[in-house]
PDB file of all heavy atoms in Angstrom:
ATOM      1  N   GLY A   1      69.963  78.985 149.667  1.00  0.00           N
ATOM      2  CA  GLY A   1      70.100  80.350 150.184  1.00  0.00           C
ATOM      3  C   GLY A   1      70.545  80.463 151.628  1.00  0.00           C
ATOM      4  O   GLY A   1      70.532  81.556 152.214  1.00  0.00           O
ATOM      5  N   GLU A   2      70.951  79.353 152.268  1.00  0.00           N
ATOM      6  CA  GLU A   2      71.308  79.405 153.692  1.00  0.00           C
ATOM      7  C   GLU A   2      72.705  79.956 153.933  1.00  0.00           C
ATOM      8  O   GLU A   2      73.040  80.317 155.074  1.00  0.00           O
ATOM      9  CB  GLU A   2      71.187  78.012 154.323  1.00  0.00           C
ATOM     10  CG  GLU A   2      69.806  77.394 154.223  1.00  0.00           C
ATOM     11  CD  GLU A   2      68.714  78.274 154.829  1.00  0.00           C
ATOM     12  OE1 GLU A   2      69.014  79.033 155.776  1.00  0.00           O
ATOM     13  OE2 GLU A   2      67.561  78.206 154.351  1.00  0.00           O
ATOM     14  N   ASP A   3      73.538  80.042 152.883  1.00  0.00           N
ATOM     15  CA  ASP A   3      74.885  80.593 153.068  1.00  0.00           C
ATOM     16  C   ASP A   3      74.822  82.058 153.492  1.00  0.00           C
ATOM     17  O   ASP A   3      75.740  82.574 154.141  1.00  0.00           O
ATOM     18  CB  ASP A   3      75.713  80.448 151.794  1.00  0.00           C
ATOM     19  CG  ASP A   3      75.015  81.010 150.566  1.00  0.00           C
ATOM     20  OD1 ASP A   3      73.777  81.205 150.605  1.00  0.00           O
ATOM     21  OD2 ASP A   3      75.704  81.250 149.558  1.00  0.00           O
ATOM     22  N   ARG A   4      73.711  82.747 153.188  1.00  0.00           N
ATOM     23  CA  ARG A   4      73.567  84.151 153.600  1.00  0.00           C
ATOM     24  C   ARG A   4      73.398  84.280 155.104  1.00  0.00           C
ATOM     25  O   ARG A   4      73.670  85.315 155.684  1.00  0.00           O
ATOM     26  CB  ARG A   4      72.368  84.782 152.891  1.00  0.00           C
ATOM     27  CG  ARG A   4      72.559  84.896 151.386  1.00  0.00           C
ATOM     28  CD  ARG A   4      71.489  85.729 150.725  1.00  0.00           C
ATOM     29  NE  ARG A   4      70.203  85.042 150.701  1.00  0.00           N
ATOM     30  CZ  ARG A   4      69.127  85.476 151.335  1.00  0.00           C
ATOM     31  NH1 ARG A   4      69.166  86.575 152.075  1.00  0.00           N
ATOM     32  NH2 ARG A   4      67.996  84.811 151.257  1.00  0.00           N
ATOM     33  N   PHE A   5      72.938  83.219 155.756  1.00  0.00           N
ATOM     34  CA  PHE A   5      72.755  83.232 157.206  1.00  0.00           C
ATOM     35  C   PHE A   5      73.919  82.571 157.932  1.00  0.00           C
ATOM     36  O   PHE A   5      74.309  82.998 159.013  1.00  0.00           O
ATOM     37  CB  PHE A   5      71.453  82.516 157.582  1.00  0.00           C
ATOM     38  CG  PHE A   5      70.223  83.265 157.195  1.00  0.00           C
ATOM     39  CD1 PHE A   5      69.665  83.127 155.928  1.00  0.00           C
ATOM     40  CD2 PHE A   5      69.615  84.139 158.091  1.00  0.00           C
ATOM     41  CE1 PHE A   5      68.522  83.825 155.571  1.00  0.00           C
ATOM     42  CE2 PHE A   5      68.482  84.845 157.750  1.00  0.00           C
ATOM     43  CZ  PHE A   5      67.930  84.682 156.477  1.00  0.00           C
ATOM     44  N   TYR A   6      74.452  81.513 157.335  1.00  0.00           N
ATOM     45  CA  TYR A   6      75.446  80.712 158.036  1.00  0.00           C
ATOM     46  C   TYR A   6      76.879  80.938 157.543  1.00  0.00           C
ATOM     47  O   TYR A   6      77.826  80.673 158.280  1.00  0.00           O
ATOM     48  CB  TYR A   6      75.114  79.219 157.883  1.00  0.00           C
ATOM     49  CG  TYR A   6      73.860  78.799 158.608  1.00  0.00           C
ATOM     50  CD1 TYR A   6      72.617  78.840 157.972  1.00  0.00           C
ATOM     51  CD2 TYR A   6      73.899  78.360 159.925  1.00  0.00           C
ATOM     52  CE1 TYR A   6      71.463  78.456 158.622  1.00  0.00           C
ATOM     53  CE2 TYR A   6      72.742  77.964 160.590  1.00  0.00           C
ATOM     54  CZ  TYR A   6      71.532  78.014 159.937  1.00  0.00           C
ATOM     55  OH  TYR A   6      70.393  77.626 160.592  1.00  0.00           O
ATOM     56  N   GLY A   7      77.019  81.404 156.304  1.00  0.00           N
ATOM     57  CA  GLY A   7      78.359  81.507 155.740  1.00  0.00           C
ATOM     58  C   GLY A   7      78.891  80.133 155.383  1.00  0.00           C
ATOM     59  O   GLY A   7      79.171  79.834 154.229  1.00  0.00           O
ATOM     60  N   ASP A   8      78.997  79.277 156.360  1.00  0.00           N
ATOM     61  CA  ASP A   8      79.495  77.915 156.182  1.00  0.00           C
ATOM     62  C   ASP A   8      78.308  76.958 156.149  1.00  0.00           C
ATOM     63  O   ASP A   8      77.557  76.855 157.120  1.00  0.00           O
ATOM     64  CB  ASP A   8      80.433  77.579 157.348  1.00  0.00           C
ATOM     65  CG  ASP A   8      80.927  76.145 157.288  1.00  0.00           C
ATOM     66  OD1 ASP A   8      80.704  75.480 156.266  1.00  0.00           O
ATOM     67  OD2 ASP A   8      81.544  75.702 158.272  1.00  0.00           O
ATOM     68  N   LEU A   9      78.129  76.240 155.047  1.00  0.00           N
ATOM     69  CA  LEU A   9      76.999  75.316 154.939  1.00  0.00           C
ATOM     70  C   LEU A   9      77.141  74.129 155.888  1.00  0.00           C
ATOM     71  O   LEU A   9      76.150  73.493 156.237  1.00  0.00           O
ATOM     72  CB  LEU A   9      76.856  74.823 153.491  1.00  0.00           C
ATOM     73  CG  LEU A   9      76.290  75.851 152.508  1.00  0.00           C
ATOM     74  CD1 LEU A   9      76.276  75.296 151.096  1.00  0.00           C
ATOM     75  CD2 LEU A   9      74.889  76.281 152.918  1.00  0.00           C
ATOM     76  N   GLY A  10      78.370  73.842 156.314  1.00  0.00           N
ATOM     77  CA  GLY A  10      78.553  72.798 157.320  1.00  0.00           C
ATOM     78  C   GLY A  10      77.866  73.172 158.625  1.00  0.00           C
ATOM     79  O   GLY A  10      77.281  72.322 159.306  1.00  0.00           O
ATOM     80  N   LEU A  11      77.930  74.456 158.975  1.00  0.00           N
ATOM     81  CA  LEU A  11      77.250  74.936 160.178  1.00  0.00           C
ATOM     82  C   LEU A  11      75.741  74.826 160.016  1.00  0.00           C
ATOM     83  O   LEU A  11      75.027  74.475 160.968  1.00  0.00           O
ATOM     84  CB  LEU A  11      77.654  76.388 160.457  1.00  0.00           C
ATOM     85  CG  LEU A  11      76.999  77.059 161.674  1.00  0.00           C
ATOM     86  CD1 LEU A  11      77.326  76.305 162.959  1.00  0.00           C
ATOM     87  CD2 LEU A  11      77.436  78.521 161.782  1.00  0.00           C
ATOM     88  N   TYR A  12      75.245  75.105 158.801  1.00  0.00           N
ATOM     89  CA  TYR A  12      73.810  74.961 158.533  1.00  0.00           C
ATOM     90  C   TYR A  12      73.356  73.521 158.755  1.00  0.00           C
ATOM     91  O   TYR A  12      72.353  73.264 159.426  1.00  0.00           O
ATOM     92  CB  TYR A  12      73.512  75.408 157.105  1.00  0.00           C
ATOM     93  CG  TYR A  12      72.177  74.947 156.568  1.00  0.00           C
ATOM     94  CD1 TYR A  12      70.984  75.205 157.261  1.00  0.00           C
ATOM     95  CD2 TYR A  12      72.106  74.226 155.366  1.00  0.00           C
ATOM     96  CE1 TYR A  12      69.762  74.765 156.761  1.00  0.00           C
ATOM     97  CE2 TYR A  12      70.883  73.788 154.868  1.00  0.00           C
ATOM     98  CZ  TYR A  12      69.732  74.053 155.574  1.00  0.00           C
ATOM     99  OH  TYR A  12      68.529  73.620 155.097  1.00  0.00           O
ATOM    100  N   LEU A  13      74.113  72.560 158.220  1.00  0.00           N
ATOM    101  CA  LEU A  13      73.745  71.150 158.385  1.00  0.00           C
ATOM    102  C   LEU A  13      73.814  70.733 159.846  1.00  0.00           C
ATOM    103  O   LEU A  13      72.981  69.953 160.320  1.00  0.00           O
ATOM    104  CB  LEU A  13      74.664  70.270 157.539  1.00  0.00           C
ATOM    105  CG  LEU A  13      74.530  70.442 156.024  1.00  0.00           C
ATOM    106  CD1 LEU A  13      75.462  69.473 155.296  1.00  0.00           C
ATOM    107  CD2 LEU A  13      73.094  70.219 155.574  1.00  0.00           C
ATOM    108  N   LYS A  14      74.789  71.254 160.573  1.00  0.00           N
ATOM    109  CA  LYS A  14      74.897  70.953 162.004  1.00  0.00           C
ATOM    110  C   LYS A  14      73.629  71.418 162.734  1.00  0.00           C
ATOM    111  O   LYS A  14      73.058  70.682 163.551  1.00  0.00           O
ATOM    112  CB  LYS A  14      76.129  71.645 162.584  1.00  0.00           C
ATOM    113  CG  LYS A  14      76.327  71.480 164.081  1.00  0.00           C
ATOM    114  CD  LYS A  14      77.640  72.144 164.492  1.00  0.00           C
ATOM    115  CE  LYS A  14      77.900  71.967 165.972  1.00  0.00           C
ATOM    116  NZ  LYS A  14      76.967  72.749 166.802  1.00  0.00           N
ATOM    117  N   CYS A  15      73.191  72.637 162.438  1.00  0.00           N
ATOM    118  CA  CYS A  15      71.985  73.171 163.082  1.00  0.00           C
ATOM    119  C   CYS A  15      70.747  72.376 162.667  1.00  0.00           C
ATOM    120  O   CYS A  15      69.858  72.111 163.486  1.00  0.00           O
ATOM    121  CB  CYS A  15      71.809  74.646 162.711  1.00  0.00           C
ATOM    122  SG  CYS A  15      73.068  75.731 163.412  1.00  0.00           S
ATOM    123  N   LEU A  16      70.682  71.997 161.394  1.00  0.00           N
ATOM    124  CA  LEU A  16      69.556  71.226 160.892  1.00  0.00           C
ATOM    125  C   LEU A  16      69.456  69.883 161.618  1.00  0.00           C
ATOM    126  O   LEU A  16      68.380  69.487 162.093  1.00  0.00           O
ATOM    127  CB  LEU A  16      69.729  70.998 159.388  1.00  0.00           C
ATOM    128  CG  LEU A  16      68.613  70.250 158.657  1.00  0.00           C
ATOM    129  CD1 LEU A  16      67.434  71.174 158.409  1.00  0.00           C
ATOM    130  CD2 LEU A  16      69.125  69.690 157.336  1.00  0.00           C
ATOM    131  N   LEU A  17      70.579  69.191 161.750  1.00  0.00           N
ATOM    132  CA  LEU A  17      70.582  67.870 162.382  1.00  0.00           C
ATOM    133  C   LEU A  17      70.303  67.968 163.875  1.00  0.00           C
ATOM    134  O   LEU A  17      69.629  67.103 164.447  1.00  0.00           O
ATOM    135  CB  LEU A  17      71.923  67.178 162.135  1.00  0.00           C
ATOM    136  CG  LEU A  17      72.182  66.802 160.672  1.00  0.00           C
ATOM    137  CD1 LEU A  17      73.638  66.392 160.477  1.00  0.00           C
ATOM    138  CD2 LEU A  17      71.252  65.695 160.220  1.00  0.00           C
ATOM    139  N   GLU A  18      70.797  68.997 164.524  1.00  0.00           N
ATOM    140  CA  GLU A  18      70.541  69.151 165.958  1.00  0.00           C
ATOM    141  C   GLU A  18      69.073  69.510 166.215  1.00  0.00           C
ATOM    142  O   GLU A  18      68.499  69.088 167.221  1.00  0.00           O
ATOM    143  CB  GLU A  18      71.477  70.197 166.564  1.00  0.00           C
ATOM    144  CG  GLU A  18      72.911  69.720 166.622  1.00  0.00           C
ATOM    145  CD  GLU A  18      73.777  70.517 167.577  1.00  0.00           C
ATOM    146  OE1 GLU A  18      73.240  71.410 168.263  1.00  0.00           O
ATOM    147  OE2 GLU A  18      74.980  70.238 167.639  1.00  0.00           O
ATOM    148  N   GLU A  19      68.475  70.277 165.305  1.00  0.00           N
ATOM    149  CA  GLU A  19      67.039  70.555 165.449  1.00  0.00           C
ATOM    150  C   GLU A  19      66.243  69.262 165.315  1.00  0.00           C
ATOM    151  O   GLU A  19      65.311  69.004 166.091  1.00  0.00           O
ATOM    152  CB  GLU A  19      66.576  71.560 164.391  1.00  0.00           C
ATOM    153  CG  GLU A  19      65.100  71.918 164.512  1.00  0.00           C
ATOM    154  CD  GLU A  19      64.646  72.914 163.464  1.00  0.00           C
ATOM    155  OE1 GLU A  19      65.498  73.572 162.833  1.00  0.00           O
ATOM    156  OE2 GLU A  19      63.412  73.028 163.259  1.00  0.00           O
ATOM    157  N   TYR A  20      66.610  68.440 164.341  1.00  0.00           N
ATOM    158  CA  TYR A  20      65.940  67.147 164.168  1.00  0.00           C
ATOM    159  C   TYR A  20      66.101  66.285 165.420  1.00  0.00           C
ATOM    160  O   TYR A  20      65.130  65.688 165.905  1.00  0.00           O
ATOM    161  CB  TYR A  20      66.534  66.429 162.951  1.00  0.00           C
ATOM    162  CG  TYR A  20      66.044  65.012 162.780  1.00  0.00           C
ATOM    163  CD1 TYR A  20      64.823  64.748 162.180  1.00  0.00           C
ATOM    164  CD2 TYR A  20      66.804  63.937 163.225  1.00  0.00           C
ATOM    165  CE1 TYR A  20      64.365  63.450 162.027  1.00  0.00           C
ATOM    166  CE2 TYR A  20      66.359  62.630 163.080  1.00  0.00           C
ATOM    167  CZ  TYR A  20      65.134  62.396 162.476  1.00  0.00           C
ATOM    168  OH  TYR A  20      64.689  61.107 162.344  1.00  0.00           O
ATOM    169  N   ALA A  21      67.306  66.226 165.949  1.00  0.00           N
ATOM    170  CA  ALA A  21      67.574  65.385 167.127  1.00  0.00           C
ATOM    171  C   ALA A  21      66.802  65.851 168.354  1.00  0.00           C
ATOM    172  O   ALA A  21      66.536  65.054 169.262  1.00  0.00           O
ATOM    173  CB  ALA A  21      69.078  65.376 167.428  1.00  0.00           C
ATOM    174  N   GLY A  22      66.425  67.122 168.395  1.00  0.00           N
ATOM    175  CA  GLY A  22      65.709  67.658 169.544  1.00  0.00           C
ATOM    176  C   GLY A  22      64.202  67.469 169.482  1.00  0.00           C
ATOM    177  O   GLY A  22      63.500  67.803 170.437  1.00  0.00           O
ATOM    178  N   LEU A  23      63.694  66.934 168.371  1.00  0.00           N
ATOM    179  CA  LEU A  23      62.253  66.743 168.234  1.00  0.00           C
ATOM    180  C   LEU A  23      61.784  65.510 169.006  1.00  0.00           C
ATOM    181  O   LEU A  23      62.566  64.588 169.252  1.00  0.00           O
ATOM    182  CB  LEU A  23      61.894  66.569 166.754  1.00  0.00           C
ATOM    183  CG  LEU A  23      62.111  67.776 165.847  1.00  0.00           C
ATOM    184  CD1 LEU A  23      61.886  67.385 164.388  1.00  0.00           C
ATOM    185  CD2 LEU A  23      61.185  68.921 166.232  1.00  0.00           C
ATOM    186  N   PRO A  24      60.499  65.446 169.381  1.00  0.00           N
ATOM    187  CA  PRO A  24      59.957  64.221 169.978  1.00  0.00           C
ATOM    188  C   PRO A  24      60.131  63.049 169.019  1.00  0.00           C
ATOM    189  O   PRO A  24      60.112  63.232 167.792  1.00  0.00           O
ATOM    190  CB  PRO A  24      58.469  64.555 170.178  1.00  0.00           C
ATOM    191  CG  PRO A  24      58.403  66.048 170.191  1.00  0.00           C
ATOM    192  CD  PRO A  24      59.495  66.520 169.279  1.00  0.00           C
ATOM    193  N   TYR A  25      60.245  61.856 169.577  1.00  0.00           N
ATOM    194  CA  TYR A  25      60.500  60.670 168.749  1.00  0.00           C
ATOM    195  C   TYR A  25      59.496  60.534 167.617  1.00  0.00           C
ATOM    196  O   TYR A  25      59.864  60.268 166.467  1.00  0.00           O
ATOM    197  CB  TYR A  25      60.464  59.403 169.619  1.00  0.00           C
ATOM    198  CG  TYR A  25      60.520  58.149 168.785  1.00  0.00           C
ATOM    199  CD1 TYR A  25      61.738  57.606 168.407  1.00  0.00           C
ATOM    200  CD2 TYR A  25      59.352  57.531 168.336  1.00  0.00           C
ATOM    201  CE1 TYR A  25      61.798  56.482 167.607  1.00  0.00           C
ATOM    202  CE2 TYR A  25      59.400  56.415 167.532  1.00  0.00           C
ATOM    203  CZ  TYR A  25      60.620  55.883 167.174  1.00  0.00           C
ATOM    204  OH  TYR A  25      60.658  54.780 166.374  1.00  0.00           O
ATOM    205  N   ILE A  26      58.230  60.723 167.905  1.00  0.00           N
ATOM    206  CA  ILE A  26      57.197  60.479 166.899  1.00  0.00           C
ATOM    207  C   ILE A  26      57.343  61.425 165.712  1.00  0.00           C
ATOM    208  O   ILE A  26      57.065  61.054 164.568  1.00  0.00           O
ATOM    209  CB  ILE A  26      55.789  60.583 167.540  1.00  0.00           C
ATOM    210  CG1 ILE A  26      54.737  59.966 166.607  1.00  0.00           C
ATOM    211  CG2 ILE A  26      55.426  62.018 167.898  1.00  0.00           C
ATOM    212  CD1 ILE A  26      53.389  59.760 167.265  1.00  0.00           C
ATOM    213  N   GLU A  27      57.821  62.651 165.944  1.00  0.00           N
ATOM    214  CA  GLU A  27      58.044  63.589 164.853  1.00  0.00           C
ATOM    215  C   GLU A  27      59.274  63.190 164.041  1.00  0.00           C
ATOM    216  O   GLU A  27      59.292  63.314 162.813  1.00  0.00           O
ATOM    217  CB  GLU A  27      58.208  65.012 165.397  1.00  0.00           C
ATOM    218  CG  GLU A  27      56.938  65.565 166.017  1.00  0.00           C
ATOM    219  CD  GLU A  27      55.774  65.575 165.039  1.00  0.00           C
ATOM    220  OE1 GLU A  27      55.982  65.936 163.860  1.00  0.00           O
ATOM    221  OE2 GLU A  27      54.654  65.209 165.433  1.00  0.00           O
ATOM    222  N   ARG A  28      60.321  62.713 164.724  1.00  0.00           N
ATOM    223  CA  ARG A  28      61.513  62.249 164.005  1.00  0.00           C
ATOM    224  C   ARG A  28      61.179  61.056 163.114  1.00  0.00           C
ATOM    225  O   ARG A  28      61.658  60.955 161.986  1.00  0.00           O
ATOM    226  CB  ARG A  28      62.617  61.865 164.995  1.00  0.00           C
ATOM    227  CG  ARG A  28      63.339  63.078 165.588  1.00  0.00           C
ATOM    228  CD  ARG A  28      64.438  62.665 166.540  1.00  0.00           C
ATOM    229  NE  ARG A  28      63.894  62.409 167.867  1.00  0.00           N
ATOM    230  CZ  ARG A  28      64.225  61.381 168.643  1.00  0.00           C
ATOM    231  NH1 ARG A  28      65.087  60.485 168.212  1.00  0.00           N
ATOM    232  NH2 ARG A  28      63.697  61.245 169.825  1.00  0.00           N
ATOM    233  N   GLU A  29      60.338  60.164 163.621  1.00  0.00           N
ATOM    234  CA  GLU A  29      59.915  59.009 162.831  1.00  0.00           C
ATOM    235  C   GLU A  29      59.170  59.460 161.581  1.00  0.00           C
ATOM    236  O   GLU A  29      59.417  58.954 160.478  1.00  0.00           O
ATOM    237  CB  GLU A  29      59.023  58.103 163.685  1.00  0.00           C
ATOM    238  CG  GLU A  29      58.465  56.908 162.927  1.00  0.00           C
ATOM    239  CD  GLU A  29      57.535  56.068 163.792  1.00  0.00           C
ATOM    240  OE1 GLU A  29      58.033  55.398 164.712  1.00  0.00           O
ATOM    241  OE2 GLU A  29      56.312  56.092 163.540  1.00  0.00           O
ATOM    242  N   LYS A  30      58.259  60.407 161.741  1.00  0.00           N
ATOM    243  CA  LYS A  30      57.463  60.869 160.607  1.00  0.00           C
ATOM    244  C   LYS A  30      58.332  61.547 159.551  1.00  0.00           C
ATOM    245  O   LYS A  30      58.085  61.414 158.348  1.00  0.00           O
ATOM    246  CB  LYS A  30      56.366  61.825 161.090  1.00  0.00           C
ATOM    247  CG  LYS A  30      55.304  62.093 160.045  1.00  0.00           C
ATOM    248  CD  LYS A  30      54.105  62.818 160.635  1.00  0.00           C
ATOM    249  CE  LYS A  30      52.998  62.972 159.593  1.00  0.00           C
ATOM    250  NZ  LYS A  30      51.823  63.667 160.146  1.00  0.00           N
ATOM    251  N   ILE A  31      59.343  62.273 159.973  1.00  0.00           N
ATOM    252  CA  ILE A  31      60.262  62.917 159.028  1.00  0.00           C
ATOM    253  C   ILE A  31      61.105  61.869 158.313  1.00  0.00           C
ATOM    254  O   ILE A  31      61.263  61.893 157.091  1.00  0.00           O
ATOM    255  CB  ILE A  31      61.161  63.930 159.758  1.00  0.00           C
ATOM    256  CG1 ILE A  31      60.327  65.124 160.232  1.00  0.00           C
ATOM    257  CG2 ILE A  31      62.306  64.388 158.868  1.00  0.00           C
ATOM    258  CD1 ILE A  31      61.029  65.987 161.267  1.00  0.00           C
ATOM    259  N   TYR A  32      61.650  60.924 159.070  1.00  0.00           N
ATOM    260  CA  TYR A  32      62.560  59.939 158.484  1.00  0.00           C
ATOM    261  C   TYR A  32      61.843  59.056 157.468  1.00  0.00           C
ATOM    262  O   TYR A  32      62.405  58.695 156.433  1.00  0.00           O
ATOM    263  CB  TYR A  32      63.182  59.078 159.582  1.00  0.00           C
ATOM    264  CG  TYR A  32      64.341  58.254 159.077  1.00  0.00           C
ATOM    265  CD1 TYR A  32      65.581  58.848 158.839  1.00  0.00           C
ATOM    266  CD2 TYR A  32      64.192  56.904 158.802  1.00  0.00           C
ATOM    267  CE1 TYR A  32      66.645  58.117 158.350  1.00  0.00           C
ATOM    268  CE2 TYR A  32      65.249  56.155 158.309  1.00  0.00           C
ATOM    269  CZ  TYR A  32      66.475  56.769 158.092  1.00  0.00           C
ATOM    270  OH  TYR A  32      67.518  56.039 157.598  1.00  0.00           O
ATOM    271  N   PHE A  33      60.587  58.713 157.743  1.00  0.00           N
ATOM    272  CA  PHE A  33      59.811  57.860 156.834  1.00  0.00           C
ATOM    273  C   PHE A  33      58.821  58.692 156.008  1.00  0.00           C
ATOM    274  O   PHE A  33      57.724  58.225 155.688  1.00  0.00           O
ATOM    275  CB  PHE A  33      59.075  56.785 157.636  1.00  0.00           C
ATOM    276  CG  PHE A  33      59.997  55.786 158.281  1.00  0.00           C
ATOM    277  CD1 PHE A  33      60.317  55.905 159.623  1.00  0.00           C
ATOM    278  CD2 PHE A  33      60.568  54.767 157.546  1.00  0.00           C
ATOM    279  CE1 PHE A  33      61.176  55.001 160.231  1.00  0.00           C
ATOM    280  CE2 PHE A  33      61.428  53.851 158.145  1.00  0.00           C
ATOM    281  CZ  PHE A  33      61.738  53.967 159.491  1.00  0.00           C
ATOM    282  N   LYS A  34      59.223  59.885 155.670  1.00  0.00           N
ATOM    283  CA  LYS A  34      58.347  60.821 154.936  1.00  0.00           C
ATOM    284  C   LYS A  34      57.808  60.205 153.650  1.00  0.00           C
ATOM    285  O   LYS A  34      56.636  60.383 153.305  1.00  0.00           O
ATOM    286  CB  LYS A  34      59.105  62.109 154.632  1.00  0.00           C
ATOM    287  CG  LYS A  34      58.286  63.180 153.907  1.00  0.00           C
ATOM    288  CD  LYS A  34      59.116  64.447 153.698  1.00  0.00           C
ATOM    289  CE  LYS A  34      58.286  65.545 153.047  1.00  0.00           C
ATOM    290  NZ  LYS A  34      57.855  65.178 151.679  1.00  0.00           N
ATOM    291  N   ASP A  35      58.630  59.479 152.927  1.00  0.00           N
ATOM    292  CA  ASP A  35      58.202  58.874 151.666  1.00  0.00           C
ATOM    293  C   ASP A  35      57.033  57.915 151.900  1.00  0.00           C
ATOM    294  O   ASP A  35      56.054  57.920 151.146  1.00  0.00           O
ATOM    295  CB  ASP A  35      59.383  58.131 151.026  1.00  0.00           C
ATOM    296  CG  ASP A  35      59.012  57.513 149.688  1.00  0.00           C
ATOM    297  OD1 ASP A  35      58.451  58.231 148.840  1.00  0.00           O
ATOM    298  OD2 ASP A  35      59.256  56.307 149.498  1.00  0.00           O
ATOM    299  N   PHE A  36      57.110  57.111 152.959  1.00  0.00           N
ATOM    300  CA  PHE A  36      56.016  56.189 153.282  1.00  0.00           C
ATOM    301  C   PHE A  36      54.751  56.962 153.662  1.00  0.00           C
ATOM    302  O   PHE A  36      53.654  56.639 153.206  1.00  0.00           O
ATOM    303  CB  PHE A  36      56.414  55.264 154.432  1.00  0.00           C
ATOM    304  CG  PHE A  36      57.464  54.240 154.073  1.00  0.00           C
ATOM    305  CD1 PHE A  36      58.054  53.462 155.059  1.00  0.00           C
ATOM    306  CD2 PHE A  36      57.868  54.057 152.764  1.00  0.00           C
ATOM    307  CE1 PHE A  36      59.018  52.518 154.741  1.00  0.00           C
ATOM    308  CE2 PHE A  36      58.838  53.119 152.433  1.00  0.00           C
ATOM    309  CZ  PHE A  36      59.408  52.347 153.429  1.00  0.00           C
ATOM    310  N   TYR A  37      54.924  57.970 154.511  1.00  0.00           N
ATOM    311  CA  TYR A  37      53.770  58.758 154.949  1.00  0.00           C
ATOM    312  C   TYR A  37      53.084  59.435 153.766  1.00  0.00           C
ATOM    313  O   TYR A  37      51.851  59.453 153.675  1.00  0.00           O
ATOM    314  CB  TYR A  37      54.192  59.805 155.981  1.00  0.00           C
ATOM    315  CG  TYR A  37      54.369  59.260 157.368  1.00  0.00           C
ATOM    316  CD1 TYR A  37      55.611  58.842 157.819  1.00  0.00           C
ATOM    317  CD2 TYR A  37      53.292  59.156 158.241  1.00  0.00           C
ATOM    318  CE1 TYR A  37      55.775  58.321 159.094  1.00  0.00           C
ATOM    319  CE2 TYR A  37      53.443  58.647 159.515  1.00  0.00           C
ATOM    320  CZ  TYR A  37      54.693  58.230 159.941  1.00  0.00           C
ATOM    321  OH  TYR A  37      54.844  57.722 161.196  1.00  0.00           O
ATOM    322  N   ASP A  38      53.865  60.000 152.861  1.00  0.00           N
ATOM    323  CA  ASP A  38      53.288  60.689 151.700  1.00  0.00           C
ATOM    324  C   ASP A  38      52.472  59.723 150.842  1.00  0.00           C
ATOM    325  O   ASP A  38      51.369  60.052 150.388  1.00  0.00           O
ATOM    326  CB  ASP A  38      54.396  61.326 150.860  1.00  0.00           C
ATOM    327  CG  ASP A  38      55.036  62.529 151.532  1.00  0.00           C
ATOM    328  OD1 ASP A  38      54.463  63.020 152.531  1.00  0.00           O
ATOM    329  OD2 ASP A  38      56.108  62.972 151.071  1.00  0.00           O
ATOM    330  N   LYS A  39      53.008  58.521 150.613  1.00  0.00           N
ATOM    331  CA  LYS A  39      52.292  57.537 149.797  1.00  0.00           C
ATOM    332  C   LYS A  39      51.021  57.065 150.497  1.00  0.00           C
ATOM    333  O   LYS A  39      49.967  56.919 149.864  1.00  0.00           O
ATOM    334  CB  LYS A  39      53.205  56.346 149.501  1.00  0.00           C
ATOM    335  CG  LYS A  39      54.341  56.657 148.538  1.00  0.00           C
ATOM    336  CD  LYS A  39      55.241  55.454 148.343  1.00  0.00           C
ATOM    337  CE  LYS A  39      56.375  55.772 147.381  1.00  0.00           C
ATOM    338  NZ  LYS A  39      57.299  54.621 147.216  1.00  0.00           N
ATOM    339  N   ILE A  40      51.125  56.820 151.794  1.00  0.00           N
ATOM    340  CA  ILE A  40      49.954  56.366 152.549  1.00  0.00           C
ATOM    341  C   ILE A  40      48.865  57.436 152.555  1.00  0.00           C
ATOM    342  O   ILE A  40      47.680  57.146 152.339  1.00  0.00           O
ATOM    343  CB  ILE A  40      50.360  55.984 153.985  1.00  0.00           C
ATOM    344  CG1 ILE A  40      51.216  54.714 153.964  1.00  0.00           C
ATOM    345  CG2 ILE A  40      49.128  55.777 154.863  1.00  0.00           C
ATOM    346  CD1 ILE A  40      51.875  54.395 155.294  1.00  0.00           C
ATOM    347  N   GLU A  41      49.249  58.686 152.807  1.00  0.00           N
ATOM    348  CA  GLU A  41      48.269  59.768 152.838  1.00  0.00           C
ATOM    349  C   GLU A  41      47.620  59.975 151.473  1.00  0.00           C
ATOM    350  O   GLU A  41      46.419  60.274 151.385  1.00  0.00           O
ATOM    351  CB  GLU A  41      48.939  61.048 153.336  1.00  0.00           C
ATOM    352  CG  GLU A  41      49.230  61.009 154.843  1.00  0.00           C
ATOM    353  CD  GLU A  41      50.059  62.179 155.323  1.00  0.00           C
ATOM    354  OE1 GLU A  41      50.636  62.896 154.461  1.00  0.00           O
ATOM    355  OE2 GLU A  41      50.151  62.381 156.546  1.00  0.00           O
ATOM    356  N   MET A  42      48.382  59.794 150.399  1.00  0.00           N
ATOM    357  CA  MET A  42      47.812  59.910 149.061  1.00  0.00           C
ATOM    358  C   MET A  42      46.814  58.777 148.812  1.00  0.00           C
ATOM    359  O   MET A  42      45.720  59.002 148.273  1.00  0.00           O
ATOM    360  CB  MET A  42      48.912  59.865 148.005  1.00  0.00           C
ATOM    361  CG  MET A  42      48.388  60.051 146.587  1.00  0.00           C
ATOM    362  SD  MET A  42      49.684  60.077 145.339  1.00  0.00           S
ATOM    363  CE  MET A  42      50.070  58.330 145.254  1.00  0.00           C
ATOM    364  N   ALA A  43      47.177  57.557 149.239  1.00  0.00           N
ATOM    365  CA  ALA A  43      46.273  56.418 149.056  1.00  0.00           C
ATOM    366  C   ALA A  43      44.987  56.602 149.847  1.00  0.00           C
ATOM    367  O   ALA A  43      43.894  56.257 149.374  1.00  0.00           O
ATOM    368  CB  ALA A  43      46.974  55.127 149.476  1.00  0.00           C
TER     369      ALA A  43
END
């Protein structure tokens, strides 16, 4: 549903990636390794 805000989905991905790049390192790590974190938290 992001085309209603961005029109161009390429612009949406650009904004998404720049938001990720602006996060503190520890948050970027947690997002990138989300699969590991989810399994560990479940265990």
